[in-house]
Amino acid sequence: MIPQSSSLLTAHNVTIVGDGDQYVVLSHGFGSDQTVWKYLLPYLVSDYRVLLYDLMGAGSTNPKDFSFSRYSSLHAYADDLLAILDELEIESCTFVGASVSGMIGCLASIERPEVFTKLILLASSPRYLNDVGYYGGFDQKDLDQLYGDMKSNFRSWVTGFGPLAIGADLESSAVQEFSRTLYSIRPDIALNVCKTIFQSDLRSILPLVTVPVYVVQTRKDMAVPLQVANYMVRNLGGWTMMEVLNTGGHLPHLSDPNVVLPVLLRCLAP
C-alpha cells in the first residue's frame, strides 16, 4: 500500500484539467507516464474534465511507493484507480486506457460498473502469450529472452525496444520520448511490471465487463495483434465496437495523434 506519509493523489501525480462536466480519465501504459497524452489533451479540455495520473512504478512515481508483492497482479492497479476516483468523489467517468491500462479499466469496471459510463481500450490485450486456439503474439521463449535482455543491460534494451514499440526508427521524436520515460523507470521495477503484464491472463474476466467498450487498435502492433482485438470484441460482456486506426505501432497517441484524435473524440461523444 501507499505509505501513510505519501498521499494517494500525490503518489500518483494526479492532475485534473479542463472545463467540462463529464470526467474523462486518461491512463497510460507500461514504459510511459501521463505526459504520453500531451498531444491529445489540448483537444479535450474545452469539453471535458480530464483526470490524468501515473501508474505506480512509472518513472515519475517514487520507487519507495512501489511494492513488488502488491503489484504482481493487475488487480492492484485497478484498486489504485478506484481509490483515486473515490478520493476525488468522482461518481461517473469515461475511462481511456492505453495498453495494460485497458485491462486495468476492465477490472475496475467489473468491481464498480456504475462508475464507468464507457471504456475506450487502446492497444489493449487480455493475454500476450499464445495458447491453444488463441494467438496473443508471443511464445514464452520470446518473453524469457526479453526479460533476460532487460536484466543484462537495461539501457541497451530500451534502445532496442523503443523503436519496436513505436514502429519507427531511433530518430523519431515519438521513439525518443517513449525511450525517455521508459529509461526513467528503475530497472528492477520495470522488469517486475513487465513480467506482471506479459504473464497475465485476463481472458476469463472479459465476459464480466458489462459497460460499453470501444476497442481501438492499430493495423500493426508488435505487442497486440489484430486477432487479439477481434477476440476481445467477441468476448466482452456488453455493447462493444472496434475501430482500426489507419496507422501502426503500440503508442499511436504518441506517434500518430492526428489519426487517434478523431476516433477518440467520436468514442467520447455521448
C-alpha atoms as a PDB file:
ATOM      1  CA  MET A   1       0.000   0.000   0.000  1.00  0.00           C
ATOM      2  CA  ILE A   2       0.976   3.658  -0.392  1.00  0.00           C
ATOM      3  CA  PRO A   3       2.773   4.768   2.796  1.00  0.00           C
ATOM      4  CA  GLN A   4       0.695   6.968   5.086  1.00  0.00           C
ATOM      5  CA  SER A   5       3.255   9.747   4.707  1.00  0.00           C
ATOM      6  CA  SER A   6       2.533   9.961   0.994  1.00  0.00           C
ATOM      7  CA  SER A   7      -0.994  10.838  -0.031  1.00  0.00           C
ATOM      8  CA  LEU A   8      -2.691   8.826  -2.734  1.00  0.00           C
ATOM      9  CA  LEU A   9      -3.119  11.733  -5.145  1.00  0.00           C
ATOM     10  CA  THR A  10       0.445  12.921  -4.695  1.00  0.00           C
ATOM     11  CA  ALA A  11       1.853   9.416  -5.091  1.00  0.00           C
ATOM     12  CA  HIS A  12       0.132   9.047  -8.464  1.00  0.00           C
ATOM     13  CA  ASN A  13       0.796  12.655  -9.567  1.00  0.00           C
ATOM     14  CA  VAL A  14      -2.924  13.152 -10.148  1.00  0.00           C
ATOM     15  CA  THR A  15      -3.745  16.114 -12.382  1.00  0.00           C
ATOM     16  CA  ILE A  16      -7.178  17.451 -13.323  1.00  0.00           C
ATOM     17  CA  VAL A  17      -7.604  19.920 -16.193  1.00  0.00           C
ATOM     18  CA  GLY A  18     -10.495  21.112 -18.323  1.00  0.00           C
ATOM     19  CA  ASP A  19     -13.832  22.856 -18.026  1.00  0.00           C
ATOM     20  CA  GLY A  20     -16.393  20.221 -18.964  1.00  0.00           C
ATOM     21  CA  ASP A  21     -18.922  18.489 -16.746  1.00  0.00           C
ATOM     22  CA  GLN A  22     -18.061  14.955 -17.853  1.00  0.00           C
ATOM     23  CA  TYR A  23     -14.937  13.343 -16.384  1.00  0.00           C
ATOM     24  CA  VAL A  24     -12.537  11.588 -18.756  1.00  0.00           C
ATOM     25  CA  VAL A  25      -9.747   9.531 -17.183  1.00  0.00           C
ATOM     26  CA  LEU A  26      -6.605   9.033 -19.291  1.00  0.00           C
ATOM     27  CA  SER A  27      -4.470   6.108 -18.118  1.00  0.00           C
ATOM     28  CA  HIS A  28      -1.115   5.312 -19.729  1.00  0.00           C
ATOM     29  CA  GLY A  29       0.610   2.009 -20.462  1.00  0.00           C
ATOM     30  CA  PHE A  30       3.911   0.415 -19.489  1.00  0.00           C
ATOM     31  CA  GLY A  31       7.010   2.494 -20.067  1.00  0.00           C
ATOM     32  CA  SER A  32       5.268   5.846 -20.260  1.00  0.00           C
ATOM     33  CA  ASP A  33       3.566   8.257 -17.889  1.00  0.00           C
ATOM     34  CA  GLN A  34       0.742  10.789 -18.158  1.00  0.00           C
ATOM     35  CA  THR A  35       2.812  13.008 -20.498  1.00  0.00           C
ATOM     36  CA  VAL A  36       2.135  10.451 -23.250  1.00  0.00           C
ATOM     37  CA  TRP A  37      -1.272  12.142 -23.704  1.00  0.00           C
ATOM     38  CA  LYS A  38       0.184  15.611 -24.313  1.00  0.00           C
ATOM     39  CA  TYR A  39      -0.732  15.789 -27.992  1.00  0.00           C
ATOM     40  CA  LEU A  40      -4.387  14.851 -27.425  1.00  0.00           C
ATOM     41  CA  LEU A  41      -5.009  16.745 -24.198  1.00  0.00           C
ATOM     42  CA  PRO A  42      -5.445  20.246 -25.729  1.00  0.00           C
ATOM     43  CA  TYR A  43      -8.393  18.972 -27.784  1.00  0.00           C
ATOM     44  CA  LEU A  44     -10.216  17.563 -24.739  1.00  0.00           C
ATOM     45  CA  VAL A  45     -10.002  20.301 -22.117  1.00  0.00           C
ATOM     46  CA  SER A  46     -12.697  22.570 -23.561  1.00  0.00           C
ATOM     47  CA  ASP A  47     -15.374  19.873 -23.467  1.00  0.00           C
ATOM     48  CA  TYR A  48     -14.269  17.511 -20.696  1.00  0.00           C
ATOM     49  CA  ARG A  49     -12.803  17.496 -17.215  1.00  0.00           C
ATOM     50  CA  VAL A  50      -9.719  15.355 -17.738  1.00  0.00           C
ATOM     51  CA  LEU A  51      -8.052  13.353 -14.990  1.00  0.00           C
ATOM     52  CA  LEU A  52      -4.510  12.161 -15.603  1.00  0.00           C
ATOM     53  CA  TYR A  53      -2.434  10.044 -13.248  1.00  0.00           C
ATOM     54  CA  ASP A  54       0.678   7.888 -13.236  1.00  0.00           C
ATOM     55  CA  LEU A  55       0.550   4.153 -12.661  1.00  0.00           C
ATOM     56  CA  MET A  56       2.627   3.131  -9.656  1.00  0.00           C
ATOM     57  CA  GLY A  57       6.063   2.098 -10.884  1.00  0.00           C
ATOM     58  CA  ALA A  58       6.241   4.681 -13.674  1.00  0.00           C
ATOM     59  CA  GLY A  59       9.479   6.642 -13.698  1.00  0.00           C
ATOM     60  CA  SER A  60       7.614   9.717 -12.492  1.00  0.00           C
ATOM     61  CA  THR A  61       6.496   7.962  -9.269  1.00  0.00           C
ATOM     62  CA  ASN A  62       8.539   7.383  -6.132  1.00  0.00           C
ATOM     63  CA  PRO A  63      10.155   3.916  -6.171  1.00  0.00           C
ATOM     64  CA  LYS A  64       9.659   3.775  -2.400  1.00  0.00           C
ATOM     65  CA  ASP A  65       5.895   3.618  -3.001  1.00  0.00           C
ATOM     66  CA  PHE A  66       6.216   0.519  -5.201  1.00  0.00           C
ATOM     67  CA  SER A  67       5.501  -2.848  -3.607  1.00  0.00           C
ATOM     68  CA  PHE A  68       6.859  -5.783  -5.600  1.00  0.00           C
ATOM     69  CA  SER A  69       4.411  -8.203  -3.996  1.00  0.00           C
ATOM     70  CA  ARG A  70       1.334  -5.995  -4.309  1.00  0.00           C
ATOM     71  CA  TYR A  71       1.970  -5.066  -7.926  1.00  0.00           C
ATOM     72  CA  SER A  72       2.498  -8.656  -9.008  1.00  0.00           C
ATOM     73  CA  SER A  73      -1.183  -8.534 -10.011  1.00  0.00           C
ATOM     74  CA  LEU A  74      -3.047  -6.103 -12.265  1.00  0.00           C
ATOM     75  CA  HIS A  75      -5.847  -6.076  -9.689  1.00  0.00           C
ATOM     76  CA  ALA A  76      -3.682  -3.788  -7.530  1.00  0.00           C
ATOM     77  CA  TYR A  77      -3.623  -1.177 -10.286  1.00  0.00           C
ATOM     78  CA  ALA A  78      -7.408  -1.388 -10.599  1.00  0.00           C
ATOM     79  CA  ASP A  79      -7.671  -0.854  -6.842  1.00  0.00           C
ATOM     80  CA  ASP A  80      -5.465   2.238  -7.179  1.00  0.00           C
ATOM     81  CA  LEU A  81      -7.727   3.632  -9.903  1.00  0.00           C
ATOM     82  CA  LEU A  82     -10.864   3.132  -7.830  1.00  0.00           C
ATOM     83  CA  ALA A  83      -9.183   4.632  -4.770  1.00  0.00           C
ATOM     84  CA  ILE A  84      -8.267   7.757  -6.763  1.00  0.00           C
ATOM     85  CA  LEU A  85     -11.841   8.124  -8.044  1.00  0.00           C
ATOM     86  CA  ASP A  86     -13.192   7.650  -4.516  1.00  0.00           C
ATOM     87  CA  GLU A  87     -10.754  10.168  -3.072  1.00  0.00           C
ATOM     88  CA  LEU A  88     -11.936  12.744  -5.615  1.00  0.00           C
ATOM     89  CA  GLU A  89     -15.579  11.722  -5.177  1.00  0.00           C
ATOM     90  CA  ILE A  90     -15.929  11.045  -8.913  1.00  0.00           C
ATOM     91  CA  GLU A  91     -19.108   9.028  -9.377  1.00  0.00           C
ATOM     92  CA  SER A  92     -19.116   8.807 -13.191  1.00  0.00           C
ATOM     93  CA  CYS A  93     -16.396   8.885 -15.845  1.00  0.00           C
ATOM     94  CA  THR A  94     -15.299   7.662 -19.240  1.00  0.00           C
ATOM     95  CA  PHE A  95     -12.078   5.701 -18.949  1.00  0.00           C
ATOM     96  CA  VAL A  96      -9.449   5.721 -21.703  1.00  0.00           C
ATOM     97  CA  GLY A  97      -6.827   3.048 -21.098  1.00  0.00           C
ATOM     98  CA  ALA A  98      -3.751   2.515 -23.250  1.00  0.00           C
ATOM     99  CA  SER A  99      -2.095  -0.901 -23.351  1.00  0.00           C
ATOM    100  CA  VAL A 100      -2.162  -2.525 -19.891  1.00  0.00           C
ATOM    101  CA  SER A 101      -4.429   0.247 -18.606  1.00  0.00           C
ATOM    102  CA  GLY A 102      -7.189  -1.126 -20.793  1.00  0.00           C
ATOM    103  CA  MET A 103      -7.263  -4.259 -18.670  1.00  0.00           C
ATOM    104  CA  ILE A 104      -6.951  -2.164 -15.508  1.00  0.00           C
ATOM    105  CA  GLY A 105     -10.088  -0.310 -16.588  1.00  0.00           C
ATOM    106  CA  CYS A 106     -11.867  -3.591 -17.303  1.00  0.00           C
ATOM    107  CA  LEU A 107     -11.069  -4.926 -13.829  1.00  0.00           C
ATOM    108  CA  ALA A 108     -12.183  -1.680 -12.175  1.00  0.00           C
ATOM    109  CA  SER A 109     -15.425  -1.655 -14.156  1.00  0.00           C
ATOM    110  CA  ILE A 110     -16.269  -5.173 -13.025  1.00  0.00           C
ATOM    111  CA  GLU A 111     -15.801  -4.096  -9.419  1.00  0.00           C
ATOM    112  CA  ARG A 112     -17.760  -0.841  -9.809  1.00  0.00           C
ATOM    113  CA  PRO A 113     -19.680  -0.741 -13.115  1.00  0.00           C
ATOM    114  CA  GLU A 114     -21.792   2.224 -12.020  1.00  0.00           C
ATOM    115  CA  VAL A 115     -18.708   4.498 -12.060  1.00  0.00           C
ATOM    116  CA  PHE A 116     -17.838   3.920 -15.727  1.00  0.00           C
ATOM    117  CA  THR A 117     -20.106   5.178 -18.496  1.00  0.00           C
ATOM    118  CA  LYS A 118     -17.836   3.558 -21.101  1.00  0.00           C
ATOM    119  CA  LEU A 119     -14.326   2.197 -21.601  1.00  0.00           C
ATOM    120  CA  ILE A 120     -12.071   3.082 -24.533  1.00  0.00           C
ATOM    121  CA  LEU A 121      -9.343   0.452 -24.805  1.00  0.00           C
ATOM    122  CA  LEU A 122      -6.360   1.470 -26.922  1.00  0.00           C
ATOM    123  CA  ALA A 123      -3.924  -1.298 -27.913  1.00  0.00           C
ATOM    124  CA  SER A 124      -5.016  -3.496 -25.009  1.00  0.00           C
ATOM    125  CA  SER A 125      -4.684  -7.247 -24.557  1.00  0.00           C
ATOM    126  CA  PRO A 126      -6.058  -9.750 -22.032  1.00  0.00           C
ATOM    127  CA  ARG A 127      -3.197 -12.177 -22.734  1.00  0.00           C
ATOM    128  CA  TYR A 128       0.088 -11.747 -24.600  1.00  0.00           C
ATOM    129  CA  LEU A 129       1.128 -15.397 -24.606  1.00  0.00           C
ATOM    130  CA  ASN A 130      -0.035 -17.715 -27.353  1.00  0.00           C
ATOM    131  CA  ASP A 131      -2.286 -20.556 -26.227  1.00  0.00           C
ATOM    132  CA  VAL A 132      -4.214 -23.386 -27.833  1.00  0.00           C
ATOM    133  CA  GLY A 133      -6.767 -21.687 -30.093  1.00  0.00           C
ATOM    134  CA  TYR A 134      -5.521 -18.232 -29.102  1.00  0.00           C
ATOM    135  CA  TYR A 135      -2.896 -16.033 -30.755  1.00  0.00           C
ATOM    136  CA  GLY A 136      -1.536 -13.451 -28.314  1.00  0.00           C
ATOM    137  CA  GLY A 137       1.616 -12.673 -30.268  1.00  0.00           C
ATOM    138  CA  PHE A 138       4.336 -14.169 -28.025  1.00  0.00           C
ATOM    139  CA  ASP A 139       5.758 -17.545 -27.076  1.00  0.00           C
ATOM    140  CA  GLN A 140       7.253 -17.971 -23.603  1.00  0.00           C
ATOM    141  CA  LYS A 141      10.764 -18.205 -25.043  1.00  0.00           C
ATOM    142  CA  ASP A 142      10.275 -14.766 -26.636  1.00  0.00           C
ATOM    143  CA  LEU A 143       9.328 -13.277 -23.279  1.00  0.00           C
ATOM    144  CA  ASP A 144      12.151 -15.061 -21.434  1.00  0.00           C
ATOM    145  CA  GLN A 145      14.575 -13.508 -23.935  1.00  0.00           C
ATOM    146  CA  LEU A 146      13.021 -10.088 -23.326  1.00  0.00           C
ATOM    147  CA  TYR A 147      13.363 -10.433 -19.538  1.00  0.00           C
ATOM    148  CA  GLY A 148      16.967 -11.573 -19.915  1.00  0.00           C
ATOM    149  CA  ASP A 149      17.804  -8.587 -22.089  1.00  0.00           C
ATOM    150  CA  MET A 150      16.213  -6.226 -19.563  1.00  0.00           C
ATOM    151  CA  LYS A 151      18.278  -7.731 -16.721  1.00  0.00           C
ATOM    152  CA  SER A 152      21.597  -7.847 -18.543  1.00  0.00           C
ATOM    153  CA  ASN A 153      21.638  -4.309 -19.983  1.00  0.00           C
ATOM    154  CA  PHE A 154      18.558  -2.183 -19.361  1.00  0.00           C
ATOM    155  CA  ARG A 155      19.795   0.856 -21.318  1.00  0.00           C
ATOM    156  CA  SER A 156      20.585  -1.273 -24.347  1.00  0.00           C
ATOM    157  CA  TRP A 157      17.184  -2.981 -24.079  1.00  0.00           C
ATOM    158  CA  VAL A 158      15.388   0.380 -24.012  1.00  0.00           C
ATOM    159  CA  THR A 159      17.301   1.475 -27.111  1.00  0.00           C
ATOM    160  CA  GLY A 160      16.063  -1.584 -28.977  1.00  0.00           C
ATOM    161  CA  PHE A 161      12.550  -1.800 -27.533  1.00  0.00           C
ATOM    162  CA  GLY A 162      11.540   1.819 -28.144  1.00  0.00           C
ATOM    163  CA  PRO A 163      11.615   1.634 -31.979  1.00  0.00           C
ATOM    164  CA  LEU A 164       9.862  -1.751 -31.926  1.00  0.00           C
ATOM    165  CA  ALA A 165       7.030  -0.492 -29.733  1.00  0.00           C
ATOM    166  CA  ILE A 166       6.515   2.729 -31.654  1.00  0.00           C
ATOM    167  CA  GLY A 167       7.096   1.195 -35.069  1.00  0.00           C
ATOM    168  CA  ALA A 168       9.603   3.856 -36.125  1.00  0.00           C
ATOM    169  CA  ASP A 169      13.357   4.452 -36.135  1.00  0.00           C
ATOM    170  CA  LEU A 170      15.528   5.884 -33.384  1.00  0.00           C
ATOM    171  CA  GLU A 171      15.412   9.395 -34.851  1.00  0.00           C
ATOM    172  CA  SER A 172      11.618   9.554 -34.421  1.00  0.00           C
ATOM    173  CA  SER A 173      10.560  12.083 -31.790  1.00  0.00           C
ATOM    174  CA  ALA A 174       7.971   9.571 -30.511  1.00  0.00           C
ATOM    175  CA  VAL A 175      10.668   6.904 -30.069  1.00  0.00           C
ATOM    176  CA  GLN A 176      12.871   9.380 -28.242  1.00  0.00           C
ATOM    177  CA  GLU A 177      10.037  10.463 -25.970  1.00  0.00           C
ATOM    178  CA  PHE A 178       8.970   6.898 -25.162  1.00  0.00           C
ATOM    179  CA  SER A 179      12.577   5.862 -24.581  1.00  0.00           C
ATOM    180  CA  ARG A 180      12.988   8.783 -22.164  1.00  0.00           C
ATOM    181  CA  THR A 181      10.060   7.751 -19.970  1.00  0.00           C
ATOM    182  CA  LEU A 182      10.919   4.059 -20.231  1.00  0.00           C
ATOM    183  CA  TYR A 183      14.520   4.636 -19.202  1.00  0.00           C
ATOM    184  CA  SER A 184      13.397   6.730 -16.215  1.00  0.00           C
ATOM    185  CA  ILE A 185      11.905   3.602 -14.582  1.00  0.00           C
ATOM    186  CA  ARG A 186      14.160   1.856 -12.089  1.00  0.00           C
ATOM    187  CA  PRO A 187      15.290  -1.317 -13.924  1.00  0.00           C
ATOM    188  CA  ASP A 188      14.171  -3.818 -11.270  1.00  0.00           C
ATOM    189  CA  ILE A 189      10.727  -2.196 -11.128  1.00  0.00           C
ATOM    190  CA  ALA A 190      10.500  -2.172 -14.925  1.00  0.00           C
ATOM    191  CA  LEU A 191      11.265  -5.892 -15.034  1.00  0.00           C
ATOM    192  CA  ASN A 192       8.708  -6.673 -12.344  1.00  0.00           C
ATOM    193  CA  VAL A 193       5.972  -4.666 -14.081  1.00  0.00           C
ATOM    194  CA  CYS A 194       6.857  -6.130 -17.460  1.00  0.00           C
ATOM    195  CA  LYS A 195       6.557  -9.687 -16.131  1.00  0.00           C
ATOM    196  CA  THR A 196       3.256  -8.914 -14.397  1.00  0.00           C
ATOM    197  CA  ILE A 197       1.825  -7.603 -17.670  1.00  0.00           C
ATOM    198  CA  PHE A 198       3.184 -10.175 -20.095  1.00  0.00           C
ATOM    199  CA  GLN A 199       2.442 -13.188 -17.896  1.00  0.00           C
ATOM    200  CA  SER A 200      -1.122 -12.106 -17.136  1.00  0.00           C
ATOM    201  CA  ASP A 201      -4.161 -13.908 -18.479  1.00  0.00           C
ATOM    202  CA  LEU A 202      -7.404 -11.962 -18.078  1.00  0.00           C
ATOM    203  CA  ARG A 203      -9.403 -13.652 -20.808  1.00  0.00           C
ATOM    204  CA  SER A 204     -11.807 -15.075 -18.241  1.00  0.00           C
ATOM    205  CA  ILE A 205     -12.851 -11.623 -16.996  1.00  0.00           C
ATOM    206  CA  LEU A 206     -13.895 -10.233 -20.381  1.00  0.00           C
ATOM    207  CA  PRO A 207     -17.497 -11.564 -20.234  1.00  0.00           C
ATOM    208  CA  LEU A 208     -17.875  -9.857 -16.842  1.00  0.00           C
ATOM    209  CA  VAL A 209     -17.273  -6.415 -18.376  1.00  0.00           C
ATOM    210  CA  THR A 210     -20.806  -5.106 -18.897  1.00  0.00           C
ATOM    211  CA  VAL A 211     -20.209  -1.391 -19.560  1.00  0.00           C
ATOM    212  CA  PRO A 212     -19.970  -0.225 -23.202  1.00  0.00           C
ATOM    213  CA  VAL A 213     -16.494  -0.695 -24.691  1.00  0.00           C
ATOM    214  CA  TYR A 214     -14.714   0.760 -27.705  1.00  0.00           C
ATOM    215  CA  VAL A 215     -11.753  -1.369 -28.764  1.00  0.00           C
ATOM    216  CA  VAL A 216      -9.258   0.806 -30.671  1.00  0.00           C
ATOM    217  CA  GLN A 217      -6.335  -0.872 -32.390  1.00  0.00           C
ATOM    218  CA  THR A 218      -3.681  -0.025 -34.973  1.00  0.00           C
ATOM    219  CA  ARG A 219      -3.184  -2.057 -38.151  1.00  0.00           C
ATOM    220  CA  LYS A 220       0.192  -3.385 -36.966  1.00  0.00           C
ATOM    221  CA  ASP A 221       1.210  -3.533 -33.316  1.00  0.00           C
ATOM    222  CA  MET A 222       4.226  -5.555 -32.142  1.00  0.00           C
ATOM    223  CA  ALA A 223       2.579  -6.195 -28.767  1.00  0.00           C
ATOM    224  CA  VAL A 224      -1.088  -6.645 -29.668  1.00  0.00           C
ATOM    225  CA  PRO A 225      -2.062  -8.379 -32.936  1.00  0.00           C
ATOM    226  CA  LEU A 226      -5.389  -7.532 -34.564  1.00  0.00           C
ATOM    227  CA  GLN A 227      -6.506 -11.065 -33.690  1.00  0.00           C
ATOM    228  CA  VAL A 228      -6.452 -10.041 -30.020  1.00  0.00           C
ATOM    229  CA  ALA A 229      -8.669  -7.022 -30.639  1.00  0.00           C
ATOM    230  CA  ASN A 230     -11.122  -9.246 -32.507  1.00  0.00           C
ATOM    231  CA  TYR A 231     -11.022 -11.742 -29.633  1.00  0.00           C
ATOM    232  CA  MET A 232     -11.953  -9.014 -27.151  1.00  0.00           C
ATOM    233  CA  VAL A 233     -14.850  -7.828 -29.281  1.00  0.00           C
ATOM    234  CA  ARG A 234     -16.213 -11.375 -29.384  1.00  0.00           C
ATOM    235  CA  ASN A 235     -15.813 -11.982 -25.657  1.00  0.00           C
ATOM    236  CA  LEU A 236     -16.573  -8.719 -23.838  1.00  0.00           C
ATOM    237  CA  GLY A 237     -19.860  -8.948 -21.971  1.00  0.00           C
ATOM    238  CA  GLY A 238     -21.584  -5.716 -23.003  1.00  0.00           C
ATOM    239  CA  TRP A 239     -22.028  -3.491 -26.051  1.00  0.00           C
ATOM    240  CA  THR A 240     -18.750  -3.388 -27.970  1.00  0.00           C
ATOM    241  CA  MET A 241     -17.410  -1.687 -31.086  1.00  0.00           C
ATOM    242  CA  MET A 242     -13.974  -1.893 -32.712  1.00  0.00           C
ATOM    243  CA  GLU A 243     -12.127   0.884 -34.542  1.00  0.00           C
ATOM    244  CA  VAL A 244      -8.976   0.051 -36.530  1.00  0.00           C
ATOM    245  CA  LEU A 245      -6.693   3.067 -36.847  1.00  0.00           C
ATOM    246  CA  ASN A 246      -5.017   3.738 -40.182  1.00  0.00           C
ATOM    247  CA  THR A 247      -1.569   3.665 -38.605  1.00  0.00           C
ATOM    248  CA  GLY A 248       0.787   1.285 -36.803  1.00  0.00           C
ATOM    249  CA  GLY A 249       2.620   0.994 -33.507  1.00  0.00           C
ATOM    250  CA  HIS A 250       1.692   0.342 -29.897  1.00  0.00           C
ATOM    251  CA  LEU A 251       1.512   4.003 -28.835  1.00  0.00           C
ATOM    252  CA  PRO A 252      -0.352   5.784 -31.655  1.00  0.00           C
ATOM    253  CA  HIS A 253      -1.492   8.501 -29.225  1.00  0.00           C
ATOM    254  CA  LEU A 254       2.189   9.481 -29.069  1.00  0.00           C
ATOM    255  CA  SER A 255       3.407   8.592 -32.557  1.00  0.00           C
ATOM    256  CA  ASP A 256       0.359   9.497 -34.679  1.00  0.00           C
ATOM    257  CA  PRO A 257      -2.039  11.628 -32.581  1.00  0.00           C
ATOM    258  CA  ASN A 258      -3.726  13.157 -35.628  1.00  0.00           C
ATOM    259  CA  VAL A 259      -5.057   9.702 -36.539  1.00  0.00           C
ATOM    260  CA  VAL A 260      -6.110   8.896 -32.979  1.00  0.00           C
ATOM    261  CA  LEU A 261      -7.808  12.213 -32.209  1.00  0.00           C
ATOM    262  CA  PRO A 262     -10.923  11.998 -34.432  1.00  0.00           C
ATOM    263  CA  VAL A 263     -11.534   8.393 -33.364  1.00  0.00           C
ATOM    264  CA  LEU A 264     -11.118   9.302 -29.687  1.00  0.00           C
ATOM    265  CA  LEU A 265     -13.493  12.260 -29.967  1.00  0.00           C
ATOM    266  CA  ARG A 266     -16.051  10.070 -31.706  1.00  0.00           C
ATOM    267  CA  CYS A 267     -15.790   7.419 -28.974  1.00  0.00           C
ATOM    268  CA  LEU A 268     -16.086  10.041 -26.242  1.00  0.00           C
ATOM    269  CA  ALA A 269     -19.187  11.674 -27.692  1.00  0.00           C
ATOM    270  CA  PRO A 270     -22.465  10.868 -25.873  1.00  0.00           C
END
